[in-house]
Amino acid sequence: MTEDSLKELVNQVFLLIDVNQNGVLEEDEVRNFFKQMIAKHQPGRAFSEALFKVNWYRMDKNSDDKVTMEELWQFMKDKAQHQGTI
């Protein structure tokens, strides 16, 4: 995957998660998205609030209880680079 294709995917996911369309992701929006994705793609796996919180704090770089597009992009880019997928 190229960095550009990952950025486009992150943009699309951001818009999908931002249910109230206020331009930032709130904790409940992200939590609900993760729960839905786990239920759909890994039905035998339980949602972990502890794991969610760890990732939430990694996404929310400035600790303002909101995740901007730039914060989500940086989080996903860092994960992809760590995993060697970009």
C-alpha atoms as a PDB file:
ATOM      1  CA  MET A   1       0.000   0.000   0.000  1.00  0.00           C
ATOM      2  CA  THR A   2       1.294   3.439  -0.827  1.00  0.00           C
ATOM      3  CA  GLU A   3       1.173   6.345   1.581  1.00  0.00           C
ATOM      4  CA  ASP A   4      -1.265   8.144  -0.730  1.00  0.00           C
ATOM      5  CA  SER A   5      -3.654   5.183  -0.862  1.00  0.00           C
ATOM      6  CA  LEU A   6      -3.494   4.836   2.924  1.00  0.00           C
ATOM      7  CA  LYS A   7      -4.249   8.545   3.326  1.00  0.00           C
ATOM      8  CA  GLU A   8      -7.298   8.224   1.059  1.00  0.00           C
ATOM      9  CA  LEU A   9      -8.504   5.219   3.045  1.00  0.00           C
ATOM     10  CA  VAL A  10      -8.012   7.095   6.334  1.00  0.00           C
ATOM     11  CA  ASN A  11     -10.007  10.036   4.924  1.00  0.00           C
ATOM     12  CA  GLN A  12     -12.884   7.725   4.016  1.00  0.00           C
ATOM     13  CA  VAL A  13     -12.818   5.993   7.415  1.00  0.00           C
ATOM     14  CA  PHE A  14     -12.738   9.349   9.194  1.00  0.00           C
ATOM     15  CA  LEU A  15     -15.895  10.467   7.395  1.00  0.00           C
ATOM     16  CA  LEU A  16     -17.562   7.143   8.187  1.00  0.00           C
ATOM     17  CA  ILE A  17     -16.754   7.369  11.907  1.00  0.00           C
ATOM     18  CA  ASP A  18     -17.705  11.066  12.234  1.00  0.00           C
ATOM     19  CA  VAL A  19     -21.400  10.309  12.614  1.00  0.00           C
ATOM     20  CA  ASN A  20     -22.357  13.793  13.848  1.00  0.00           C
ATOM     21  CA  GLN A  21     -20.266  15.371  11.042  1.00  0.00           C
ATOM     22  CA  ASN A  22     -18.595  17.948  13.266  1.00  0.00           C
ATOM     23  CA  GLY A  23     -15.148  17.423  11.736  1.00  0.00           C
ATOM     24  CA  VAL A  24     -13.601  15.655  14.738  1.00  0.00           C
ATOM     25  CA  LEU A  25     -13.933  12.163  16.140  1.00  0.00           C
ATOM     26  CA  GLU A  26     -15.274  11.857  19.633  1.00  0.00           C
ATOM     27  CA  GLU A  27     -14.521   8.938  21.914  1.00  0.00           C
ATOM     28  CA  ASP A  28     -18.003   7.402  21.669  1.00  0.00           C
ATOM     29  CA  GLU A  29     -17.976   7.588  17.862  1.00  0.00           C
ATOM     30  CA  VAL A  30     -14.658   5.758  17.684  1.00  0.00           C
ATOM     31  CA  ARG A  31     -15.669   3.214  20.345  1.00  0.00           C
ATOM     32  CA  ASN A  32     -18.905   2.428  18.486  1.00  0.00           C
ATOM     33  CA  PHE A  33     -17.013   2.053  15.206  1.00  0.00           C
ATOM     34  CA  PHE A  34     -14.542  -0.402  16.744  1.00  0.00           C
ATOM     35  CA  LYS A  35     -17.367  -2.393  18.328  1.00  0.00           C
ATOM     36  CA  GLN A  36     -19.181  -2.618  14.988  1.00  0.00           C
ATOM     37  CA  MET A  37     -16.043  -3.664  13.109  1.00  0.00           C
ATOM     38  CA  ILE A  38     -15.181  -6.349  15.662  1.00  0.00           C
ATOM     39  CA  ALA A  39     -18.746  -7.695  15.626  1.00  0.00           C
ATOM     40  CA  LYS A  40     -18.773  -7.779  11.826  1.00  0.00           C
ATOM     41  CA  HIS A  41     -15.270  -9.060  11.081  1.00  0.00           C
ATOM     42  CA  GLN A  42     -14.318 -10.975  14.238  1.00  0.00           C
ATOM     43  CA  PRO A  43     -17.600 -12.143  15.772  1.00  0.00           C
ATOM     44  CA  GLY A  44     -15.950 -14.468  18.296  1.00  0.00           C
ATOM     45  CA  ARG A  45     -13.744 -11.715  19.682  1.00  0.00           C
ATOM     46  CA  ALA A  46     -14.849  -9.587  22.620  1.00  0.00           C
ATOM     47  CA  PHE A  47     -14.428  -5.819  22.566  1.00  0.00           C
ATOM     48  CA  SER A  48     -11.703  -4.730  25.009  1.00  0.00           C
ATOM     49  CA  GLU A  49     -12.298  -1.362  26.673  1.00  0.00           C
ATOM     50  CA  ALA A  50      -8.715  -1.392  27.982  1.00  0.00           C
ATOM     51  CA  LEU A  51      -7.269  -1.905  24.504  1.00  0.00           C
ATOM     52  CA  PHE A  52      -9.609   0.728  23.120  1.00  0.00           C
ATOM     53  CA  LYS A  53      -8.410   3.260  25.725  1.00  0.00           C
ATOM     54  CA  VAL A  54      -4.750   2.584  24.914  1.00  0.00           C
ATOM     55  CA  ASN A  55      -5.421   3.249  21.231  1.00  0.00           C
ATOM     56  CA  TRP A  56      -7.643   6.255  21.970  1.00  0.00           C
ATOM     57  CA  TYR A  57      -4.849   7.928  23.945  1.00  0.00           C
ATOM     58  CA  ARG A  58      -2.397   7.178  21.132  1.00  0.00           C
ATOM     59  CA  MET A  59      -4.749   8.771  18.592  1.00  0.00           C
ATOM     60  CA  ASP A  60      -5.591  11.829  20.725  1.00  0.00           C
ATOM     61  CA  LYS A  61      -2.092  13.317  20.580  1.00  0.00           C
ATOM     62  CA  ASN A  62      -3.000  16.621  22.239  1.00  0.00           C
ATOM     63  CA  SER A  63      -5.327  15.077  24.873  1.00  0.00           C
ATOM     64  CA  ASP A  64      -8.291  17.297  24.024  1.00  0.00           C
ATOM     65  CA  ASP A  65     -10.756  14.366  23.947  1.00  0.00           C
ATOM     66  CA  LYS A  66     -11.153  14.708  20.177  1.00  0.00           C
ATOM     67  CA  VAL A  67      -9.301  13.146  17.263  1.00  0.00           C
ATOM     68  CA  THR A  68      -8.739  15.292  14.213  1.00  0.00           C
ATOM     69  CA  MET A  69      -8.143  13.990  10.719  1.00  0.00           C
ATOM     70  CA  GLU A  70      -4.441  14.775  11.157  1.00  0.00           C
ATOM     71  CA  GLU A  71      -4.257  12.829  14.436  1.00  0.00           C
ATOM     72  CA  LEU A  72      -5.987   9.813  12.896  1.00  0.00           C
ATOM     73  CA  TRP A  73      -3.731  10.019   9.857  1.00  0.00           C
ATOM     74  CA  GLN A  74      -0.583  10.111  12.002  1.00  0.00           C
ATOM     75  CA  PHE A  75      -1.814   7.194  14.147  1.00  0.00           C
ATOM     76  CA  MET A  76      -2.596   5.039  11.121  1.00  0.00           C
ATOM     77  CA  LYS A  77       0.605   6.004   9.299  1.00  0.00           C
ATOM     78  CA  ASP A  78       2.700   5.126  12.367  1.00  0.00           C
ATOM     79  CA  LYS A  79       0.937   1.740  12.649  1.00  0.00           C
ATOM     80  CA  ALA A  80       1.426   0.998   8.950  1.00  0.00           C
ATOM     81  CA  GLN A  81       5.094   1.943   9.079  1.00  0.00           C
ATOM     82  CA  HIS A  82       5.611  -0.186  12.186  1.00  0.00           C
ATOM     83  CA  GLN A  83       3.918  -3.142  10.463  1.00  0.00           C
ATOM     84  CA  GLY A  84       5.824  -2.533   7.237  1.00  0.00           C
ATOM     85  CA  THR A  85       2.699  -2.128   5.130  1.00  0.00           C
ATOM     86  CA  ILE A  86       3.788   1.231   3.684  1.00  0.00           C
END
